[in-house]
Amino acid sequence: MRTLSKRSEFLAANRGLRFPMPGFVLLVRLRDDGDDQPGIGFTVSKKVGNAVTRNRMKRRLRALARTALPESGIAGADHVLIGRPGGNDIAFADLGEHLDSALKRAAKKLATSP
């Protein structure tokens, strides 16, 4: 799994598909660069809380991505997880179920699009 680091990669992912969930928003965009490795990026704005809260949210999102993306991630696509306010209050298992649901919806949507 490759990590998104450039602003341009995040902006490109923002032009892709959007799947809002209670604790986060999943952005998915096919890269079409011939690389089948999924990309992952994380962002949590100051609207979520102070630095401690934002860092905790990012740690939880990274742990979710580590468990879910290797088997459910979309090959050749960039995935961006955007933390939402209240995401830290949701149980980790529930966040995992939300991520699985969002990834399934993304795969289905990308399979039907031309």
PDB file of N, CA and C in Angstrom:
ATOM      1  N   MET A   1       0.852  -1.174   0.000  1.00  0.00           N
ATOM      2  CA  MET A   1       0.000   0.000   0.000  1.00  0.00           C
ATOM      3  C   MET A   1       0.899   1.238   0.000  1.00  0.00           C
ATOM      4  N   ARG A   2       0.615   2.154  -0.897  1.00  0.00           N
ATOM      5  CA  ARG A   2       1.425   3.368  -0.928  1.00  0.00           C
ATOM      6  C   ARG A   2       0.675   4.506  -0.239  1.00  0.00           C
ATOM      7  N   THR A   3       1.405   5.404   0.365  1.00  0.00           N
ATOM      8  CA  THR A   3       0.813   6.504   1.121  1.00  0.00           C
ATOM      9  C   THR A   3       0.789   7.766   0.265  1.00  0.00           C
ATOM     10  N   LEU A   4      -0.342   8.436   0.252  1.00  0.00           N
ATOM     11  CA  LEU A   4      -0.446   9.707  -0.448  1.00  0.00           C
ATOM     12  C   LEU A   4       0.235  10.775   0.397  1.00  0.00           C
ATOM     13  N   SER A   5       1.051  11.598  -0.249  1.00  0.00           N
ATOM     14  CA  SER A   5       1.755  12.617   0.522  1.00  0.00           C
ATOM     15  C   SER A   5       1.645  14.007  -0.100  1.00  0.00           C
ATOM     16  N   LYS A   6       1.381  14.082  -1.401  1.00  0.00           N
ATOM     17  CA  LYS A   6       1.333  15.381  -2.068  1.00  0.00           C
ATOM     18  C   LYS A   6      -0.083  15.940  -2.074  1.00  0.00           C
ATOM     19  N   ARG A   7      -0.163  17.240  -1.984  1.00  0.00           N
ATOM     20  CA  ARG A   7      -1.462  17.914  -2.010  1.00  0.00           C
ATOM     21  C   ARG A   7      -2.219  17.589  -3.297  1.00  0.00           C
ATOM     22  N   SER A   8      -1.503  17.508  -4.403  1.00  0.00           N
ATOM     23  CA  SER A   8      -2.148  17.237  -5.691  1.00  0.00           C
ATOM     24  C   SER A   8      -2.830  15.865  -5.693  1.00  0.00           C
ATOM     25  N   GLU A   9      -2.275  14.895  -4.977  1.00  0.00           N
ATOM     26  CA  GLU A   9      -2.898  13.572  -4.888  1.00  0.00           C
ATOM     27  C   GLU A   9      -4.214  13.641  -4.112  1.00  0.00           C
ATOM     28  N   PHE A  10      -4.220  14.425  -3.042  1.00  0.00           N
ATOM     29  CA  PHE A  10      -5.445  14.588  -2.252  1.00  0.00           C
ATOM     30  C   PHE A  10      -6.510  15.338  -3.049  1.00  0.00           C
ATOM     31  N   LEU A  11      -6.104  16.358  -3.806  1.00  0.00           N
ATOM     32  CA  LEU A  11      -7.054  17.112  -4.616  1.00  0.00           C
ATOM     33  C   LEU A  11      -7.622  16.241  -5.733  1.00  0.00           C
ATOM     34  N   ALA A  12      -6.788  15.379  -6.306  1.00  0.00           N
ATOM     35  CA  ALA A  12      -7.267  14.463  -7.343  1.00  0.00           C
ATOM     36  C   ALA A  12      -8.283  13.485  -6.757  1.00  0.00           C
ATOM     37  N   ALA A  13      -8.001  12.973  -5.559  1.00  0.00           N
ATOM     38  CA  ALA A  13      -8.922  12.040  -4.904  1.00  0.00           C
ATOM     39  C   ALA A  13     -10.248  12.725  -4.591  1.00  0.00           C
ATOM     40  N   ASN A  14     -10.203  14.014  -4.316  1.00  0.00           N
ATOM     41  CA  ASN A  14     -11.424  14.762  -4.010  1.00  0.00           C
ATOM     42  C   ASN A  14     -12.357  14.848  -5.223  1.00  0.00           C
ATOM     43  N   ARG A  15     -11.806  14.678  -6.431  1.00  0.00           N
ATOM     44  CA  ARG A  15     -12.635  14.690  -7.637  1.00  0.00           C
ATOM     45  C   ARG A  15     -13.253  13.319  -7.912  1.00  0.00           C
ATOM     46  N   GLY A  16     -12.917  12.327  -7.086  1.00  0.00           N
ATOM     47  CA  GLY A  16     -13.444  10.978  -7.267  1.00  0.00           C
ATOM     48  C   GLY A  16     -14.771  10.778  -6.562  1.00  0.00           C
ATOM     49  N   LEU A  17     -15.048   9.528  -6.241  1.00  0.00           N
ATOM     50  CA  LEU A  17     -16.301   9.173  -5.571  1.00  0.00           C
ATOM     51  C   LEU A  17     -16.209   9.457  -4.083  1.00  0.00           C
ATOM     52  N   ARG A  18     -17.337   9.829  -3.491  1.00  0.00           N
ATOM     53  CA  ARG A  18     -17.398  10.205  -2.071  1.00  0.00           C
ATOM     54  C   ARG A  18     -18.436   9.332  -1.381  1.00  0.00           C
ATOM     55  N   PHE A  19     -18.027   8.721  -0.254  1.00  0.00           N
ATOM     56  CA  PHE A  19     -18.913   7.853   0.511  1.00  0.00           C
ATOM     57  C   PHE A  19     -18.907   8.303   1.971  1.00  0.00           C
ATOM     58  N   PRO A  20     -19.879   9.137   2.370  1.00  0.00           N
ATOM     59  CA  PRO A  20     -19.911   9.617   3.758  1.00  0.00           C
ATOM     60  C   PRO A  20     -20.418   8.541   4.715  1.00  0.00           C
ATOM     61  N   MET A  21     -19.775   8.436   5.839  1.00  0.00           N
ATOM     62  CA  MET A  21     -20.128   7.515   6.919  1.00  0.00           C
ATOM     63  C   MET A  21     -20.180   8.314   8.220  1.00  0.00           C
ATOM     64  N   PRO A  22     -20.728   7.743   9.284  1.00  0.00           N
ATOM     65  CA  PRO A  22     -20.861   8.515  10.528  1.00  0.00           C
ATOM     66  C   PRO A  22     -19.541   9.053  11.097  1.00  0.00           C
ATOM     67  N   GLY A  23     -18.440   8.307  11.037  1.00  0.00           N
ATOM     68  CA  GLY A  23     -17.195   8.770  11.649  1.00  0.00           C
ATOM     69  C   GLY A  23     -16.169   9.310  10.677  1.00  0.00           C
ATOM     70  N   PHE A  24     -16.386   9.114   9.382  1.00  0.00           N
ATOM     71  CA  PHE A  24     -15.414   9.528   8.381  1.00  0.00           C
ATOM     72  C   PHE A  24     -16.085   9.619   7.019  1.00  0.00           C
ATOM     73  N   VAL A  25     -15.353  10.164   6.068  1.00  0.00           N
ATOM     74  CA  VAL A  25     -15.774  10.187   4.664  1.00  0.00           C
ATOM     75  C   VAL A  25     -14.691   9.452   3.884  1.00  0.00           C
ATOM     76  N   LEU A  26     -15.089   8.528   3.022  1.00  0.00           N
ATOM     77  CA  LEU A  26     -14.148   7.806   2.172  1.00  0.00           C
ATOM     78  C   LEU A  26     -14.202   8.392   0.768  1.00  0.00           C
ATOM     79  N   LEU A  27     -13.038   8.794   0.264  1.00  0.00           N
ATOM     80  CA  LEU A  27     -12.914   9.247  -1.121  1.00  0.00           C
ATOM     81  C   LEU A  27     -12.162   8.171  -1.891  1.00  0.00           C
ATOM     82  N   VAL A  28     -12.654   7.813  -3.067  1.00  0.00           N
ATOM     83  CA  VAL A  28     -12.005   6.795  -3.895  1.00  0.00           C
ATOM     84  C   VAL A  28     -11.902   7.323  -5.314  1.00  0.00           C
ATOM     85  N   ARG A  29     -10.708   7.185  -5.897  1.00  0.00           N
ATOM     86  CA  ARG A  29     -10.493   7.614  -7.278  1.00  0.00           C
ATOM     87  C   ARG A  29      -9.522   6.662  -7.947  1.00  0.00           C
ATOM     88  N   LEU A  30      -9.925   6.123  -9.103  1.00  0.00           N
ATOM     89  CA  LEU A  30      -9.032   5.271  -9.884  1.00  0.00           C
ATOM     90  C   LEU A  30      -7.913   6.121 -10.464  1.00  0.00           C
ATOM     91  N   ARG A  31      -6.678   5.604 -10.407  1.00  0.00           N
ATOM     92  CA  ARG A  31      -5.525   6.364 -10.887  1.00  0.00           C
ATOM     93  C   ARG A  31      -5.266   6.173 -12.370  1.00  0.00           C
ATOM     94  N   ASP A  32      -5.499   4.990 -12.904  1.00  0.00           N
ATOM     95  CA  ASP A  32      -5.223   4.674 -14.315  1.00  0.00           C
ATOM     96  C   ASP A  32      -3.755   4.906 -14.677  1.00  0.00           C
ATOM     97  N   ASP A  33      -2.853   4.521 -13.779  1.00  0.00           N
ATOM     98  CA  ASP A  33      -1.425   4.670 -14.064  1.00  0.00           C
ATOM     99  C   ASP A  33      -0.725   3.315 -14.245  1.00  0.00           C
ATOM    100  N   GLY A  34      -1.493   2.234 -14.249  1.00  0.00           N
ATOM    101  CA  GLY A  34      -0.911   0.910 -14.445  1.00  0.00           C
ATOM    102  C   GLY A  34      -0.419   0.251 -13.174  1.00  0.00           C
ATOM    103  N   ASP A  35      -0.422   0.961 -12.066  1.00  0.00           N
ATOM    104  CA  ASP A  35       0.013   0.413 -10.786  1.00  0.00           C
ATOM    105  C   ASP A  35      -1.206  -0.129 -10.048  1.00  0.00           C
ATOM    106  N   ASP A  36      -1.183  -1.425  -9.703  1.00  0.00           N
ATOM    107  CA  ASP A  36      -2.329  -2.037  -9.027  1.00  0.00           C
ATOM    108  C   ASP A  36      -2.317  -1.837  -7.517  1.00  0.00           C
ATOM    109  N   GLN A  37      -1.272  -1.242  -6.990  1.00  0.00           N
ATOM    110  CA  GLN A  37      -1.178  -1.053  -5.545  1.00  0.00           C
ATOM    111  C   GLN A  37      -2.132   0.060  -5.101  1.00  0.00           C
ATOM    112  N   PRO A  38      -2.982  -0.204  -4.087  1.00  0.00           N
ATOM    113  CA  PRO A  38      -3.878   0.867  -3.618  1.00  0.00           C
ATOM    114  C   PRO A  38      -3.106   1.940  -2.862  1.00  0.00           C
ATOM    115  N   GLY A  39      -3.559   3.173  -3.013  1.00  0.00           N
ATOM    116  CA  GLY A  39      -2.971   4.283  -2.270  1.00  0.00           C
ATOM    117  C   GLY A  39      -3.903   4.684  -1.139  1.00  0.00           C
ATOM    118  N   ILE A  40      -3.317   5.193  -0.047  1.00  0.00           N
ATOM    119  CA  ILE A  40      -4.129   5.594   1.102  1.00  0.00           C
ATOM    120  C   ILE A  40      -3.621   6.923   1.642  1.00  0.00           C
ATOM    121  N   GLY A  41      -4.559   7.779   2.008  1.00  0.00           N
ATOM    122  CA  GLY A  41      -4.230   9.053   2.617  1.00  0.00           C
ATOM    123  C   GLY A  41      -5.221   9.350   3.731  1.00  0.00           C
ATOM    124  N   PHE A  42      -4.783  10.148   4.686  1.00  0.00           N
ATOM    125  CA  PHE A  42      -5.617  10.478   5.843  1.00  0.00           C
ATOM    126  C   PHE A  42      -5.591  11.975   6.051  1.00  0.00           C
ATOM    127  N   THR A  43      -6.728  12.522   6.419  1.00  0.00           N
ATOM    128  CA  THR A  43      -6.782  13.936   6.756  1.00  0.00           C
ATOM    129  C   THR A  43      -7.843  14.147   7.835  1.00  0.00           C
ATOM    130  N   VAL A  44      -7.495  14.986   8.799  1.00  0.00           N
ATOM    131  CA  VAL A  44      -8.414  15.337   9.877  1.00  0.00           C
ATOM    132  C   VAL A  44      -8.228  16.830  10.131  1.00  0.00           C
ATOM    133  N   SER A  45      -9.279  17.608   9.922  1.00  0.00           N
ATOM    134  CA  SER A  45      -9.167  19.066  10.032  1.00  0.00           C
ATOM    135  C   SER A  45      -9.322  19.529  11.478  1.00  0.00           C
ATOM    136  N   LYS A  46      -9.065  20.791  11.687  1.00  0.00           N
ATOM    137  CA  LYS A  46      -9.176  21.375  13.021  1.00  0.00           C
ATOM    138  C   LYS A  46     -10.610  21.437  13.517  1.00  0.00           C
ATOM    139  N   LYS A  47     -11.573  21.252  12.608  1.00  0.00           N
ATOM    140  CA  LYS A  47     -12.975  21.227  13.020  1.00  0.00           C
ATOM    141  C   LYS A  47     -13.265  20.032  13.921  1.00  0.00           C
ATOM    142  N   VAL A  48     -12.443  18.994  13.824  1.00  0.00           N
ATOM    143  CA  VAL A  48     -12.649  17.773  14.606  1.00  0.00           C
ATOM    144  C   VAL A  48     -12.270  17.996  16.062  1.00  0.00           C
ATOM    145  N   GLY A  49     -11.271  18.812  16.318  1.00  0.00           N
ATOM    146  CA  GLY A  49     -10.866  19.061  17.701  1.00  0.00           C
ATOM    147  C   GLY A  49      -9.432  19.535  17.786  1.00  0.00           C
ATOM    148  N   ASN A  50      -8.894  19.465  19.003  1.00  0.00           N
ATOM    149  CA  ASN A  50      -7.521  19.911  19.211  1.00  0.00           C
ATOM    150  C   ASN A  50      -6.538  18.862  18.681  1.00  0.00           C
ATOM    151  N   ALA A  51      -5.247  19.112  18.828  1.00  0.00           N
ATOM    152  CA  ALA A  51      -4.223  18.242  18.257  1.00  0.00           C
ATOM    153  C   ALA A  51      -4.305  16.821  18.794  1.00  0.00           C
ATOM    154  N   VAL A  52      -4.578  16.674  20.069  1.00  0.00           N
ATOM    155  CA  VAL A  52      -4.671  15.345  20.666  1.00  0.00           C
ATOM    156  C   VAL A  52      -5.821  14.556  20.042  1.00  0.00           C
ATOM    157  N   THR A  53      -6.948  15.206  19.884  1.00  0.00           N
ATOM    158  CA  THR A  53      -8.128  14.569  19.289  1.00  0.00           C
ATOM    159  C   THR A  53      -7.873  14.200  17.835  1.00  0.00           C
ATOM    160  N   ARG A  54      -7.267  15.123  17.082  1.00  0.00           N
ATOM    161  CA  ARG A  54      -6.987  14.855  15.666  1.00  0.00           C
ATOM    162  C   ARG A  54      -5.997  13.708  15.511  1.00  0.00           C
ATOM    163  N   ASN A  55      -4.959  13.684  16.319  1.00  0.00           N
ATOM    164  CA  ASN A  55      -3.971  12.611  16.224  1.00  0.00           C
ATOM    165  C   ASN A  55      -4.574  11.266  16.591  1.00  0.00           C
ATOM    166  N   ARG A  56      -5.451  11.241  17.579  1.00  0.00           N
ATOM    167  CA  ARG A  56      -6.113   9.987  17.946  1.00  0.00           C
ATOM    168  C   ARG A  56      -6.978   9.492  16.794  1.00  0.00           C
ATOM    169  N   MET A  57      -7.673  10.420  16.161  1.00  0.00           N
ATOM    170  CA  MET A  57      -8.509  10.058  15.020  1.00  0.00           C
ATOM    171  C   MET A  57      -7.664   9.493  13.889  1.00  0.00           C
ATOM    172  N   LYS A  58      -6.523  10.122  13.599  1.00  0.00           N
ATOM    173  CA  LYS A  58      -5.644   9.630  12.534  1.00  0.00           C
ATOM    174  C   LYS A  58      -5.091   8.246  12.856  1.00  0.00           C
ATOM    175  N   ARG A  59      -4.747   8.009  14.113  1.00  0.00           N
ATOM    176  CA  ARG A  59      -4.263   6.668  14.511  1.00  0.00           C
ATOM    177  C   ARG A  59      -5.339   5.624  14.296  1.00  0.00           C
ATOM    178  N   ARG A  60      -6.580   5.953  14.641  1.00  0.00           N
ATOM    179  CA  ARG A  60      -7.688   5.005  14.452  1.00  0.00           C
ATOM    180  C   ARG A  60      -7.934   4.752  12.970  1.00  0.00           C
ATOM    181  N   LEU A  61      -7.880   5.792  12.149  1.00  0.00           N
ATOM    182  CA  LEU A  61      -8.082   5.619  10.715  1.00  0.00           C
ATOM    183  C   LEU A  61      -6.973   4.779  10.098  1.00  0.00           C
ATOM    184  N   ARG A  62      -5.725   4.998  10.538  1.00  0.00           N
ATOM    185  CA  ARG A  62      -4.612   4.182  10.031  1.00  0.00           C
ATOM    186  C   ARG A  62      -4.793   2.720  10.387  1.00  0.00           C
ATOM    187  N   ALA A  63      -5.229   2.454  11.613  1.00  0.00           N
ATOM    188  CA  ALA A  63      -5.451   1.067  12.034  1.00  0.00           C
ATOM    189  C   ALA A  63      -6.576   0.429  11.221  1.00  0.00           C
ATOM    190  N   LEU A  64      -7.631   1.176  10.956  1.00  0.00           N
ATOM    191  CA  LEU A  64      -8.727   0.668  10.121  1.00  0.00           C
ATOM    192  C   LEU A  64      -8.220   0.324   8.722  1.00  0.00           C
ATOM    193  N   ALA A  65      -7.459   1.227   8.135  1.00  0.00           N
ATOM    194  CA  ALA A  65      -6.961   1.016   6.775  1.00  0.00           C
ATOM    195  C   ALA A  65      -6.022  -0.181   6.709  1.00  0.00           C
ATOM    196  N   ARG A  66      -5.183  -0.350   7.739  1.00  0.00           N
ATOM    197  CA  ARG A  66      -4.256  -1.480   7.762  1.00  0.00           C
ATOM    198  C   ARG A  66      -4.980  -2.813   7.754  1.00  0.00           C
ATOM    199  N   THR A  67      -6.127  -2.877   8.421  1.00  0.00           N
ATOM    200  CA  THR A  67      -6.863  -4.142   8.488  1.00  0.00           C
ATOM    201  C   THR A  67      -7.774  -4.355   7.284  1.00  0.00           C
ATOM    202  N   ALA A  68      -8.399  -3.295   6.772  1.00  0.00           N
ATOM    203  CA  ALA A  68      -9.431  -3.460   5.744  1.00  0.00           C
ATOM    204  C   ALA A  68      -8.913  -3.358   4.310  1.00  0.00           C
ATOM    205  N   LEU A  69      -7.981  -2.459   4.042  1.00  0.00           N
ATOM    206  CA  LEU A  69      -7.602  -2.211   2.655  1.00  0.00           C
ATOM    207  C   LEU A  69      -6.866  -3.356   1.962  1.00  0.00           C
ATOM    208  N   PRO A  70      -6.016  -4.120   2.633  1.00  0.00           N
ATOM    209  CA  PRO A  70      -5.343  -5.201   1.895  1.00  0.00           C
ATOM    210  C   PRO A  70      -6.312  -6.184   1.246  1.00  0.00           C
ATOM    211  N   GLU A  71      -7.433  -6.492   1.896  1.00  0.00           N
ATOM    212  CA  GLU A  71      -8.362  -7.448   1.287  1.00  0.00           C
ATOM    213  C   GLU A  71      -9.533  -6.778   0.581  1.00  0.00           C
ATOM    214  N   SER A  72      -9.979  -5.611   1.052  1.00  0.00           N
ATOM    215  CA  SER A  72     -11.170  -4.983   0.483  1.00  0.00           C
ATOM    216  C   SER A  72     -10.877  -3.751  -0.354  1.00  0.00           C
ATOM    217  N   GLY A  73      -9.636  -3.287  -0.340  1.00  0.00           N
ATOM    218  CA  GLY A  73      -9.293  -2.079  -1.087  1.00  0.00           C
ATOM    219  C   GLY A  73      -9.403  -2.294  -2.583  1.00  0.00           C
ATOM    220  N   ILE A  74      -9.576  -1.220  -3.306  1.00  0.00           N
ATOM    221  CA  ILE A  74      -9.735  -1.279  -4.754  1.00  0.00           C
ATOM    222  C   ILE A  74      -8.355  -1.122  -5.386  1.00  0.00           C
ATOM    223  N   ALA A  75      -7.943  -2.127  -6.146  1.00  0.00           N
ATOM    224  CA  ALA A  75      -6.623  -2.114  -6.775  1.00  0.00           C
ATOM    225  C   ALA A  75      -6.534  -0.964  -7.772  1.00  0.00           C
ATOM    226  N   GLY A  76      -5.405  -0.269  -7.739  1.00  0.00           N
ATOM    227  CA  GLY A  76      -5.189   0.829  -8.677  1.00  0.00           C
ATOM    228  C   GLY A  76      -5.956   2.086  -8.351  1.00  0.00           C
ATOM    229  N   ALA A  77      -6.426   2.220  -7.127  1.00  0.00           N
ATOM    230  CA  ALA A  77      -7.202   3.403  -6.734  1.00  0.00           C
ATOM    231  C   ALA A  77      -6.577   4.065  -5.517  1.00  0.00           C
ATOM    232  N   ASP A  78      -6.792   5.355  -5.412  1.00  0.00           N
ATOM    233  CA  ASP A  78      -6.400   6.094  -4.212  1.00  0.00           C
ATOM    234  C   ASP A  78      -7.600   6.174  -3.289  1.00  0.00           C
ATOM    235  N   HIS A  79      -7.364   5.910  -2.011  1.00  0.00           N
ATOM    236  CA  HIS A  79      -8.392   5.992  -0.981  1.00  0.00           C
ATOM    237  C   HIS A  79      -7.974   7.083  -0.003  1.00  0.00           C
ATOM    238  N   VAL A  80      -8.875   7.974   0.323  1.00  0.00           N
ATOM    239  CA  VAL A  80      -8.605   9.008   1.322  1.00  0.00           C
ATOM    240  C   VAL A  80      -9.676   8.916   2.391  1.00  0.00           C
ATOM    241  N   LEU A  81      -9.246   8.833   3.645  1.00  0.00           N
ATOM    242  CA  LEU A  81     -10.163   8.817   4.778  1.00  0.00           C
ATOM    243  C   LEU A  81     -10.106  10.185   5.452  1.00  0.00           C
ATOM    244  N   ILE A  82     -11.239  10.847   5.519  1.00  0.00           N
ATOM    245  CA  ILE A  82     -11.348  12.163   6.138  1.00  0.00           C
ATOM    246  C   ILE A  82     -12.106  11.996   7.447  1.00  0.00           C
ATOM    247  N   GLY A  83     -11.462  12.318   8.549  1.00  0.00           N
ATOM    248  CA  GLY A  83     -12.102  12.210   9.852  1.00  0.00           C
ATOM    249  C   GLY A  83     -13.192  13.240  10.025  1.00  0.00           C
ATOM    250  N   ARG A  84     -14.269  12.827  10.695  1.00  0.00           N
ATOM    251  CA  ARG A  84     -15.393  13.730  10.960  1.00  0.00           C
ATOM    252  C   ARG A  84     -15.530  13.937  12.469  1.00  0.00           C
ATOM    253  N   PRO A  85     -16.128  15.071  12.865  1.00  0.00           N
ATOM    254  CA  PRO A  85     -16.345  15.295  14.301  1.00  0.00           C
ATOM    255  C   PRO A  85     -17.171  14.163  14.908  1.00  0.00           C
ATOM    256  N   GLY A  86     -16.777  13.709  16.073  1.00  0.00           N
ATOM    257  CA  GLY A  86     -17.483  12.621  16.744  1.00  0.00           C
ATOM    258  C   GLY A  86     -16.981  11.245  16.349  1.00  0.00           C
ATOM    259  N   GLY A  87     -16.036  11.169  15.453  1.00  0.00           N
ATOM    260  CA  GLY A  87     -15.509   9.885  15.012  1.00  0.00           C
ATOM    261  C   GLY A  87     -14.800   9.118  16.111  1.00  0.00           C
ATOM    262  N   ASN A  88     -14.211   9.837  17.057  1.00  0.00           N
ATOM    263  CA  ASN A  88     -13.528   9.168  18.169  1.00  0.00           C
ATOM    264  C   ASN A  88     -14.507   8.557  19.159  1.00  0.00           C
ATOM    265  N   ASP A  89     -15.750   8.999  19.145  1.00  0.00           N
ATOM    266  CA  ASP A  89     -16.753   8.486  20.081  1.00  0.00           C
ATOM    267  C   ASP A  89     -17.400   7.193  19.590  1.00  0.00           C
ATOM    268  N   ILE A  90     -17.175   6.834  18.329  1.00  0.00           N
ATOM    269  CA  ILE A  90     -17.751   5.619  17.759  1.00  0.00           C
ATOM    270  C   ILE A  90     -16.828   4.445  18.059  1.00  0.00           C
ATOM    271  N   ALA A  91     -17.403   3.310  18.419  1.00  0.00           N
ATOM    272  CA  ALA A  91     -16.610   2.117  18.720  1.00  0.00           C
ATOM    273  C   ALA A  91     -15.783   1.711  17.505  1.00  0.00           C
ATOM    274  N   PHE A  92     -14.566   1.222  17.751  1.00  0.00           N
ATOM    275  CA  PHE A  92     -13.659   0.860  16.675  1.00  0.00           C
ATOM    276  C   PHE A  92     -14.260  -0.216  15.774  1.00  0.00           C
ATOM    277  N   ALA A  93     -14.950  -1.195  16.354  1.00  0.00           N
ATOM    278  CA  ALA A  93     -15.575  -2.260  15.563  1.00  0.00           C
ATOM    279  C   ALA A  93     -16.638  -1.689  14.627  1.00  0.00           C
ATOM    280  N   ASP A  94     -17.383  -0.705  15.123  1.00  0.00           N
ATOM    281  CA  ASP A  94     -18.407  -0.073  14.279  1.00  0.00           C
ATOM    282  C   ASP A  94     -17.763   0.697  13.126  1.00  0.00           C
ATOM    283  N   LEU A  95     -16.649   1.375  13.409  1.00  0.00           N
ATOM    284  CA  LEU A  95     -15.938   2.082  12.344  1.00  0.00           C
ATOM    285  C   LEU A  95     -15.454   1.094  11.288  1.00  0.00           C
ATOM    286  N   GLY A  96     -14.986  -0.066  11.726  1.00  0.00           N
ATOM    287  CA  GLY A  96     -14.550  -1.099  10.786  1.00  0.00           C
ATOM    288  C   GLY A  96     -15.677  -1.573   9.891  1.00  0.00           C
ATOM    289  N   GLU A  97     -16.863  -1.751  10.477  1.00  0.00           N
ATOM    290  CA  GLU A  97     -18.026  -2.154   9.679  1.00  0.00           C
ATOM    291  C   GLU A  97     -18.417  -1.063   8.684  1.00  0.00           C
ATOM    292  N   HIS A  98     -18.328   0.197   9.120  1.00  0.00           N
ATOM    293  CA  HIS A  98     -18.645   1.314   8.230  1.00  0.00           C
ATOM    294  C   HIS A  98     -17.661   1.360   7.059  1.00  0.00           C
ATOM    295  N   LEU A  99     -16.375   1.125   7.356  1.00  0.00           N
ATOM    296  CA  LEU A  99     -15.367   1.144   6.293  1.00  0.00           C
ATOM    297  C   LEU A  99     -15.598   0.001   5.306  1.00  0.00           C
ATOM    298  N   ASP A 100     -15.894  -1.185   5.807  1.00  0.00           N
ATOM    299  CA  ASP A 100     -16.188  -2.312   4.914  1.00  0.00           C
ATOM    300  C   ASP A 100     -17.384  -1.999   4.024  1.00  0.00           C
ATOM    301  N   SER A 101     -18.422  -1.412   4.609  1.00  0.00           N
ATOM    302  CA  SER A 101     -19.609  -1.049   3.855  1.00  0.00           C
ATOM    303  C   SER A 101     -19.271  -0.020   2.771  1.00  0.00           C
ATOM    304  N   ALA A 102     -18.486   0.982   3.130  1.00  0.00           N
ATOM    305  CA  ALA A 102     -18.116   2.025   2.174  1.00  0.00           C
ATOM    306  C   ALA A 102     -17.272   1.449   1.039  1.00  0.00           C
ATOM    307  N   LEU A 103     -16.342   0.541   1.366  1.00  0.00           N
ATOM    308  CA  LEU A 103     -15.501  -0.066   0.334  1.00  0.00           C
ATOM    309  C   LEU A 103     -16.323  -0.935  -0.621  1.00  0.00           C
ATOM    310  N   LYS A 104     -17.318  -1.652  -0.078  1.00  0.00           N
ATOM    311  CA  LYS A 104     -18.183  -2.467  -0.936  1.00  0.00           C
ATOM    312  C   LYS A 104     -19.003  -1.586  -1.864  1.00  0.00           C
ATOM    313  N   ARG A 105     -19.533  -0.484  -1.326  1.00  0.00           N
ATOM    314  CA  ARG A 105     -20.292   0.447  -2.157  1.00  0.00           C
ATOM    315  C   ARG A 105     -19.410   1.050  -3.247  1.00  0.00           C
ATOM    316  N   ALA A 106     -18.161   1.375  -2.885  1.00  0.00           N
ATOM    317  CA  ALA A 106     -17.228   1.958  -3.862  1.00  0.00           C
ATOM    318  C   ALA A 106     -16.923   0.952  -4.970  1.00  0.00           C
ATOM    319  N   ALA A 107     -16.649  -0.295  -4.597  1.00  0.00           N
ATOM    320  CA  ALA A 107     -16.343  -1.321  -5.596  1.00  0.00           C
ATOM    321  C   ALA A 107     -17.527  -1.543  -6.527  1.00  0.00           C
ATOM    322  N   LYS A 108     -18.712  -1.557  -5.965  1.00  0.00           N
ATOM    323  CA  LYS A 108     -19.917  -1.753  -6.783  1.00  0.00           C
ATOM    324  C   LYS A 108     -20.121  -0.587  -7.740  1.00  0.00           C
ATOM    325  N   LYS A 109     -19.927   0.626  -7.237  1.00  0.00           N
ATOM    326  CA  LYS A 109     -20.108   1.824  -8.058  1.00  0.00           C
ATOM    327  C   LYS A 109     -19.071   1.877  -9.191  1.00  0.00           C
ATOM    328  N   LEU A 110     -17.820   1.530  -8.869  1.00  0.00           N
ATOM    329  CA  LEU A 110     -16.770   1.560  -9.887  1.00  0.00           C
ATOM    330  C   LEU A 110     -16.960   0.441 -10.918  1.00  0.00           C
ATOM    331  N   ALA A 111     -17.544  -0.679 -10.502  1.00  0.00           N
ATOM    332  CA  ALA A 111     -17.772  -1.785 -11.431  1.00  0.00           C
ATOM    333  C   ALA A 111     -18.859  -1.442 -12.440  1.00  0.00           C
ATOM    334  N   THR A 112     -19.825  -0.632 -12.026  1.00  0.00           N
ATOM    335  CA  THR A 112     -20.942  -0.300 -12.934  1.00  0.00           C
ATOM    336  C   THR A 112     -20.628   0.911 -13.805  1.00  0.00           C
ATOM    337  N   SER A 113     -19.659   1.747 -13.405  1.00  0.00           N
ATOM    338  CA  SER A 113     -19.350   2.925 -14.204  1.00  0.00           C
ATOM    339  C   SER A 113     -18.484   2.529 -15.399  1.00  0.00           C
ATOM    340  N   PRO A 114     -18.589   3.260 -16.505  1.00  0.00           N
ATOM    341  CA  PRO A 114     -17.830   2.893 -17.707  1.00  0.00           C
ATOM    342  C   PRO A 114     -16.354   3.161 -17.590  1.00  0.00           C
TER     343      PRO A 114
END
